[in-house]
Amino acid sequence: MDEHASVCPGDDILRGAKAIAVFIGATERQAFYKCERRHVPAFKEGDQWCMRKSRYLRDIEEKEDSA
């Protein structure tokens, strides 16, 4: 089995609006807004926004395929 074939769940999760912002190329405020409005597949852990990189990329691919 290829050790690079799987992603460790901890490496896949972005924690906090700032980390999400860096990943999606937005400001921290824009990322927070997108999380609140469900424009990105984010979820809350306590009071912190989190998002799986893999889920975000899959959503983007689905949007591209349907366009």
C-alpha atoms as a PDB file:
ATOM      1  CA  MET A   1       0.000   0.000   0.000  1.00  0.00           C
ATOM      2  CA  ASP A   2       1.311   3.423  -0.960  1.00  0.00           C
ATOM      3  CA  GLU A   3       1.855   5.534   2.145  1.00  0.00           C
ATOM      4  CA  HIS A   4       0.891   8.662   0.186  1.00  0.00           C
ATOM      5  CA  ALA A   5      -2.412   7.179  -0.997  1.00  0.00           C
ATOM      6  CA  SER A   6      -4.333   8.081   2.145  1.00  0.00           C
ATOM      7  CA  VAL A   7      -4.712  11.368   3.935  1.00  0.00           C
ATOM      8  CA  CYS A   8      -4.466  11.522   7.684  1.00  0.00           C
ATOM      9  CA  PRO A   9      -7.763  13.013   8.904  1.00  0.00           C
ATOM     10  CA  GLY A  10      -5.900  15.597  10.983  1.00  0.00           C
ATOM     11  CA  ASP A  11      -4.015  16.833   7.914  1.00  0.00           C
ATOM     12  CA  ASP A  12      -7.265  17.209   5.981  1.00  0.00           C
ATOM     13  CA  ILE A  13      -8.978  19.521   8.463  1.00  0.00           C
ATOM     14  CA  LEU A  14      -8.499  23.272   8.452  1.00  0.00           C
ATOM     15  CA  ARG A  15      -9.198  24.845  11.840  1.00  0.00           C
ATOM     16  CA  GLY A  16     -10.245  28.471  12.134  1.00  0.00           C
ATOM     17  CA  ALA A  17     -11.375  31.117   9.667  1.00  0.00           C
ATOM     18  CA  LYS A  18      -7.780  32.235   9.114  1.00  0.00           C
ATOM     19  CA  ALA A  19      -6.651  28.766   7.957  1.00  0.00           C
ATOM     20  CA  ILE A  20      -9.738  28.438   5.756  1.00  0.00           C
ATOM     21  CA  ALA A  21      -9.058  31.885   4.290  1.00  0.00           C
ATOM     22  CA  VAL A  22      -5.499  30.987   3.335  1.00  0.00           C
ATOM     23  CA  PHE A  23      -6.647  27.752   1.682  1.00  0.00           C
ATOM     24  CA  ILE A  24      -9.473  29.315  -0.364  1.00  0.00           C
ATOM     25  CA  GLY A  25      -7.615  32.528  -1.210  1.00  0.00           C
ATOM     26  CA  ALA A  26      -9.810  34.938   0.720  1.00  0.00           C
ATOM     27  CA  THR A  27      -9.488  37.337   3.604  1.00  0.00           C
ATOM     28  CA  GLU A  28     -10.296  36.039   7.064  1.00  0.00           C
ATOM     29  CA  ARG A  29     -13.514  38.071   7.112  1.00  0.00           C
ATOM     30  CA  GLN A  30     -14.568  36.718   3.704  1.00  0.00           C
ATOM     31  CA  ALA A  31     -13.909  33.166   4.891  1.00  0.00           C
ATOM     32  CA  PHE A  32     -15.949  33.751   8.045  1.00  0.00           C
ATOM     33  CA  TYR A  33     -18.814  35.117   5.939  1.00  0.00           C
ATOM     34  CA  LYS A  34     -18.655  32.149   3.553  1.00  0.00           C
ATOM     35  CA  CYS A  35     -18.732  29.738   6.501  1.00  0.00           C
ATOM     36  CA  GLU A  36     -21.688  31.493   8.115  1.00  0.00           C
ATOM     37  CA  ARG A  37     -23.649  31.583   4.844  1.00  0.00           C
ATOM     38  CA  ARG A  38     -22.748  27.965   3.989  1.00  0.00           C
ATOM     39  CA  HIS A  39     -20.995  28.974   0.771  1.00  0.00           C
ATOM     40  CA  VAL A  40     -18.238  26.543   1.748  1.00  0.00           C
ATOM     41  CA  PRO A  41     -18.661  23.108   3.372  1.00  0.00           C
ATOM     42  CA  ALA A  42     -17.571  24.222   6.829  1.00  0.00           C
ATOM     43  CA  PHE A  43     -18.687  23.047  10.237  1.00  0.00           C
ATOM     44  CA  LYS A  44     -18.306  24.254  13.807  1.00  0.00           C
ATOM     45  CA  GLU A  45     -16.257  22.546  16.482  1.00  0.00           C
ATOM     46  CA  GLY A  46     -17.196  24.454  19.593  1.00  0.00           C
ATOM     47  CA  ASP A  47     -16.880  28.084  18.572  1.00  0.00           C
ATOM     48  CA  GLN A  48     -14.318  27.449  15.820  1.00  0.00           C
ATOM     49  CA  TRP A  49     -15.068  27.047  12.116  1.00  0.00           C
ATOM     50  CA  CYS A  50     -13.463  23.998  10.504  1.00  0.00           C
ATOM     51  CA  MET A  51     -13.428  22.634   6.970  1.00  0.00           C
ATOM     52  CA  ARG A  52     -12.098  19.502   5.297  1.00  0.00           C
ATOM     53  CA  LYS A  53      -9.823  20.325   2.373  1.00  0.00           C
ATOM     54  CA  SER A  54     -10.971  17.190   0.540  1.00  0.00           C
ATOM     55  CA  ARG A  55     -14.646  18.113   0.884  1.00  0.00           C
ATOM     56  CA  TYR A  56     -14.039  21.648  -0.372  1.00  0.00           C
ATOM     57  CA  LEU A  57     -12.110  20.387  -3.404  1.00  0.00           C
ATOM     58  CA  ARG A  58     -14.781  17.778  -4.146  1.00  0.00           C
ATOM     59  CA  ASP A  59     -17.480  20.476  -4.028  1.00  0.00           C
ATOM     60  CA  ILE A  60     -15.482  22.618  -6.455  1.00  0.00           C
ATOM     61  CA  GLU A  61     -15.098  19.666  -8.853  1.00  0.00           C
ATOM     62  CA  GLU A  62     -18.850  18.983  -8.703  1.00  0.00           C
ATOM     63  CA  LYS A  63     -19.619  22.623  -9.468  1.00  0.00           C
ATOM     64  CA  GLU A  64     -17.218  22.548 -12.424  1.00  0.00           C
ATOM     65  CA  ASP A  65     -18.782  19.352 -13.762  1.00  0.00           C
ATOM     66  CA  SER A  66     -22.296  20.764 -13.552  1.00  0.00           C
ATOM     67  CA  ALA A  67     -21.430  24.078 -15.226  1.00  0.00           C
END
